[in-house]
N, C-alpha and C. Protein backbone atom coordinates (compact mmCIF):
# COMPACT_ATOMS: atom_id res chain seq x y z
N MET A 1 29.46 -52.41 -77.69
CA MET A 1 29.74 -51.25 -76.90
C MET A 1 30.81 -51.61 -75.88
N LYS A 2 31.81 -50.77 -75.81
CA LYS A 2 32.89 -50.98 -74.85
C LYS A 2 32.62 -50.17 -73.59
N ALA A 3 33.19 -50.59 -72.49
CA ALA A 3 33.06 -49.85 -71.23
C ALA A 3 34.42 -49.70 -70.59
N THR A 4 34.59 -48.59 -69.90
CA THR A 4 35.84 -48.33 -69.20
C THR A 4 35.54 -47.51 -67.95
N THR A 5 36.46 -47.53 -67.04
CA THR A 5 36.32 -46.73 -65.82
C THR A 5 36.76 -45.30 -66.09
N LEU A 6 36.35 -44.41 -65.23
CA LEU A 6 36.78 -43.02 -65.35
C LEU A 6 38.29 -42.92 -65.22
N LYS A 7 38.86 -43.66 -64.28
CA LYS A 7 40.32 -43.62 -64.07
C LYS A 7 41.05 -44.03 -65.35
N ASN A 8 40.60 -45.10 -65.99
CA ASN A 8 41.22 -45.54 -67.24
C ASN A 8 41.01 -44.50 -68.34
N ALA A 9 39.82 -43.91 -68.39
CA ALA A 9 39.54 -42.90 -69.42
C ALA A 9 40.44 -41.67 -69.26
N VAL A 10 40.67 -41.26 -68.03
CA VAL A 10 41.53 -40.11 -67.78
C VAL A 10 42.95 -40.38 -68.27
N HIS A 11 43.44 -41.59 -68.03
CA HIS A 11 44.81 -41.92 -68.41
C HIS A 11 44.96 -42.26 -69.89
N ASN A 12 43.90 -42.69 -70.52
CA ASN A 12 44.00 -43.18 -71.90
C ASN A 12 43.03 -42.49 -72.86
N LEU A 13 42.62 -41.27 -72.55
CA LEU A 13 41.60 -40.60 -73.35
C LEU A 13 41.94 -40.49 -74.84
N PRO A 14 43.16 -40.10 -75.21
CA PRO A 14 43.46 -40.03 -76.65
C PRO A 14 43.27 -41.37 -77.37
N GLN A 15 43.69 -42.45 -76.73
CA GLN A 15 43.53 -43.78 -77.34
C GLN A 15 42.06 -44.20 -77.40
N ILE A 16 41.31 -43.89 -76.35
CA ILE A 16 39.89 -44.23 -76.32
C ILE A 16 39.14 -43.47 -77.40
N ILE A 17 39.45 -42.20 -77.55
CA ILE A 17 38.82 -41.39 -78.61
C ILE A 17 39.17 -41.96 -79.97
N ALA A 18 40.44 -42.24 -80.20
CA ALA A 18 40.87 -42.79 -81.50
C ALA A 18 40.17 -44.10 -81.81
N SER A 19 40.05 -44.97 -80.82
CA SER A 19 39.39 -46.25 -81.00
C SER A 19 37.91 -46.08 -81.30
N THR A 20 37.26 -45.16 -80.60
CA THR A 20 35.84 -44.90 -80.81
C THR A 20 35.60 -44.38 -82.23
N ILE A 21 36.46 -43.51 -82.70
CA ILE A 21 36.34 -42.98 -84.06
C ILE A 21 36.61 -44.08 -85.08
N GLN A 22 37.67 -44.83 -84.87
CA GLN A 22 38.07 -45.85 -85.84
C GLN A 22 37.05 -46.99 -85.95
N THR A 23 36.56 -47.47 -84.82
CA THR A 23 35.65 -48.62 -84.83
C THR A 23 34.18 -48.22 -84.92
N GLU A 24 33.89 -46.94 -84.69
CA GLU A 24 32.51 -46.43 -84.64
C GLU A 24 31.68 -47.16 -83.59
N GLU A 25 32.36 -47.71 -82.59
CA GLU A 25 31.70 -48.40 -81.48
C GLU A 25 31.68 -47.47 -80.28
N GLU A 26 30.52 -47.33 -79.65
CA GLU A 26 30.39 -46.46 -78.49
C GLU A 26 31.26 -46.96 -77.34
N THR A 27 31.70 -46.01 -76.52
CA THR A 27 32.46 -46.34 -75.33
C THR A 27 31.74 -45.74 -74.13
N VAL A 28 31.40 -46.58 -73.17
CA VAL A 28 30.75 -46.12 -71.95
C VAL A 28 31.84 -45.85 -70.92
N ILE A 29 31.80 -44.66 -70.34
CA ILE A 29 32.72 -44.31 -69.27
C ILE A 29 31.92 -44.33 -67.98
N VAL A 30 32.29 -45.26 -67.11
CA VAL A 30 31.53 -45.53 -65.89
C VAL A 30 32.17 -44.79 -64.71
N THR A 31 31.34 -44.09 -63.95
CA THR A 31 31.81 -43.40 -62.74
C THR A 31 30.92 -43.82 -61.57
N ASP A 32 31.29 -43.41 -60.37
CA ASP A 32 30.45 -43.69 -59.20
C ASP A 32 29.12 -42.95 -59.27
N GLU A 33 29.10 -41.81 -59.98
CA GLU A 33 27.89 -41.00 -60.07
C GLU A 33 26.97 -41.43 -61.21
N GLY A 34 27.46 -42.24 -62.12
CA GLY A 34 26.69 -42.65 -63.29
C GLY A 34 27.61 -42.91 -64.46
N SER A 35 27.05 -42.96 -65.65
CA SER A 35 27.84 -43.26 -66.84
C SER A 35 27.55 -42.26 -67.94
N VAL A 36 28.52 -42.11 -68.83
CA VAL A 36 28.35 -41.30 -70.04
C VAL A 36 28.80 -42.16 -71.22
N VAL A 37 28.35 -41.78 -72.40
CA VAL A 37 28.68 -42.55 -73.59
C VAL A 37 29.45 -41.65 -74.57
N LEU A 38 30.59 -42.15 -75.02
CA LEU A 38 31.40 -41.47 -76.03
C LEU A 38 31.01 -42.06 -77.38
N VAL A 39 30.58 -41.19 -78.30
CA VAL A 39 30.07 -41.63 -79.60
C VAL A 39 30.80 -40.88 -80.71
N GLU A 40 31.12 -41.58 -81.79
CA GLU A 40 31.73 -40.97 -82.97
C GLU A 40 30.77 -39.92 -83.53
N GLN A 41 31.28 -38.76 -83.92
CA GLN A 41 30.46 -37.60 -84.31
C GLN A 41 29.46 -37.91 -85.42
N GLU A 42 29.87 -38.60 -86.45
CA GLU A 42 28.98 -38.92 -87.57
C GLU A 42 27.80 -39.78 -87.09
N ASN A 43 28.08 -40.74 -86.22
CA ASN A 43 27.00 -41.57 -85.66
C ASN A 43 26.06 -40.74 -84.80
N TRP A 44 26.63 -39.83 -84.02
CA TRP A 44 25.81 -38.96 -83.18
C TRP A 44 24.88 -38.11 -84.06
N ASN A 45 25.42 -37.54 -85.12
CA ASN A 45 24.60 -36.73 -86.02
C ASN A 45 23.46 -37.54 -86.61
N SER A 46 23.74 -38.79 -86.98
CA SER A 46 22.71 -39.66 -87.54
C SER A 46 21.62 -39.96 -86.50
N MET A 47 22.03 -40.20 -85.27
CA MET A 47 21.05 -40.48 -84.22
C MET A 47 20.15 -39.27 -83.96
N VAL A 48 20.75 -38.10 -83.91
CA VAL A 48 19.98 -36.88 -83.67
C VAL A 48 19.01 -36.64 -84.83
N GLU A 49 19.45 -36.85 -86.05
CA GLU A 49 18.57 -36.68 -87.21
C GLU A 49 17.42 -37.68 -87.17
N THR A 50 17.72 -38.93 -86.83
CA THR A 50 16.68 -39.96 -86.74
C THR A 50 15.66 -39.59 -85.67
N LEU A 51 16.12 -39.16 -84.52
CA LEU A 51 15.19 -38.76 -83.45
C LEU A 51 14.33 -37.58 -83.89
N SER A 52 14.92 -36.66 -84.59
CA SER A 52 14.17 -35.51 -85.10
C SER A 52 13.09 -35.96 -86.07
N LEU A 53 13.43 -36.86 -86.98
CA LEU A 53 12.44 -37.36 -87.94
C LEU A 53 11.32 -38.12 -87.25
N LEU A 54 11.66 -38.90 -86.24
CA LEU A 54 10.65 -39.68 -85.53
C LEU A 54 9.72 -38.80 -84.70
N GLN A 55 10.17 -37.61 -84.35
CA GLN A 55 9.32 -36.69 -83.58
C GLN A 55 8.38 -35.89 -84.48
N ASP A 56 8.67 -35.86 -85.77
CA ASP A 56 7.83 -35.14 -86.73
C ASP A 56 6.75 -36.11 -87.25
N LYS A 57 5.48 -35.81 -86.96
CA LYS A 57 4.40 -36.75 -87.29
C LYS A 57 4.32 -37.03 -88.80
N ARG A 58 4.54 -36.04 -89.64
CA ARG A 58 4.48 -36.27 -91.09
C ARG A 58 5.60 -37.19 -91.54
N SER A 59 6.80 -36.95 -91.03
CA SER A 59 7.95 -37.80 -91.40
C SER A 59 7.75 -39.22 -90.90
N LEU A 60 7.27 -39.36 -89.68
CA LEU A 60 7.05 -40.68 -89.10
C LEU A 60 5.98 -41.44 -89.87
N THR A 61 4.89 -40.77 -90.23
CA THR A 61 3.83 -41.41 -91.01
C THR A 61 4.36 -41.87 -92.36
N SER A 62 5.13 -41.03 -93.01
CA SER A 62 5.71 -41.37 -94.31
C SER A 62 6.65 -42.56 -94.18
N LEU A 63 7.46 -42.57 -93.15
CA LEU A 63 8.39 -43.67 -92.92
C LEU A 63 7.64 -44.98 -92.70
N LEU A 64 6.61 -44.95 -91.86
CA LEU A 64 5.83 -46.16 -91.59
C LEU A 64 5.11 -46.66 -92.84
N GLN A 65 4.61 -45.75 -93.65
CA GLN A 65 3.96 -46.14 -94.91
C GLN A 65 4.96 -46.79 -95.85
N SER A 66 6.16 -46.27 -95.91
CA SER A 66 7.21 -46.84 -96.76
C SER A 66 7.60 -48.24 -96.29
N ILE A 67 7.67 -48.43 -95.00
CA ILE A 67 8.00 -49.74 -94.44
C ILE A 67 6.92 -50.74 -94.81
N GLU A 68 5.67 -50.36 -94.66
CA GLU A 68 4.56 -51.25 -95.01
C GLU A 68 4.56 -51.58 -96.50
N ALA A 69 4.82 -50.58 -97.34
CA ALA A 69 4.86 -50.81 -98.78
C ALA A 69 5.99 -51.78 -99.13
N ARG A 70 7.13 -51.61 -98.50
CA ARG A 70 8.27 -52.50 -98.76
C ARG A 70 7.96 -53.93 -98.32
N LYS A 71 7.27 -54.08 -97.18
CA LYS A 71 6.89 -55.41 -96.71
C LYS A 71 5.98 -56.12 -97.72
N LYS A 72 5.17 -55.33 -98.42
CA LYS A 72 4.25 -55.88 -99.42
C LYS A 72 4.92 -56.07 -100.77
N GLY A 73 6.21 -55.75 -100.85
CA GLY A 73 6.96 -55.94 -102.09
C GLY A 73 6.90 -54.76 -103.04
N ASN A 74 6.31 -53.65 -102.60
CA ASN A 74 6.25 -52.46 -103.45
C ASN A 74 7.54 -51.66 -103.32
N ARG A 75 7.89 -51.00 -104.39
CA ARG A 75 9.08 -50.15 -104.34
C ARG A 75 8.68 -48.77 -103.85
N PRO A 76 9.53 -48.15 -103.05
CA PRO A 76 9.23 -46.79 -102.60
C PRO A 76 9.21 -45.83 -103.79
N MET A 77 8.36 -44.82 -103.70
CA MET A 77 8.27 -43.83 -104.76
C MET A 77 9.49 -42.92 -104.71
N SER A 78 9.96 -42.50 -105.89
CA SER A 78 11.09 -41.57 -105.96
C SER A 78 10.60 -40.17 -105.60
N ILE A 79 11.49 -39.44 -104.98
CA ILE A 79 11.15 -38.06 -104.60
C ILE A 79 11.55 -37.12 -105.72
């Protein structure tokens, strides 16, 4: 994860955005009031989907069962 100041981000925003997209590495923009994180859109979508799945009890149970089965050397069932 890269970090930059707000002043640098204001002056170099196009380059920071391009770098974040190209490297898929988050960029933290630090201000006196706090920080924000710039994330490539595809990665953001994946994170939101993962959080959504983890909040759904059926999906989470299924995921945990699959992990346990894989640890025991079993192959996951096809859907």
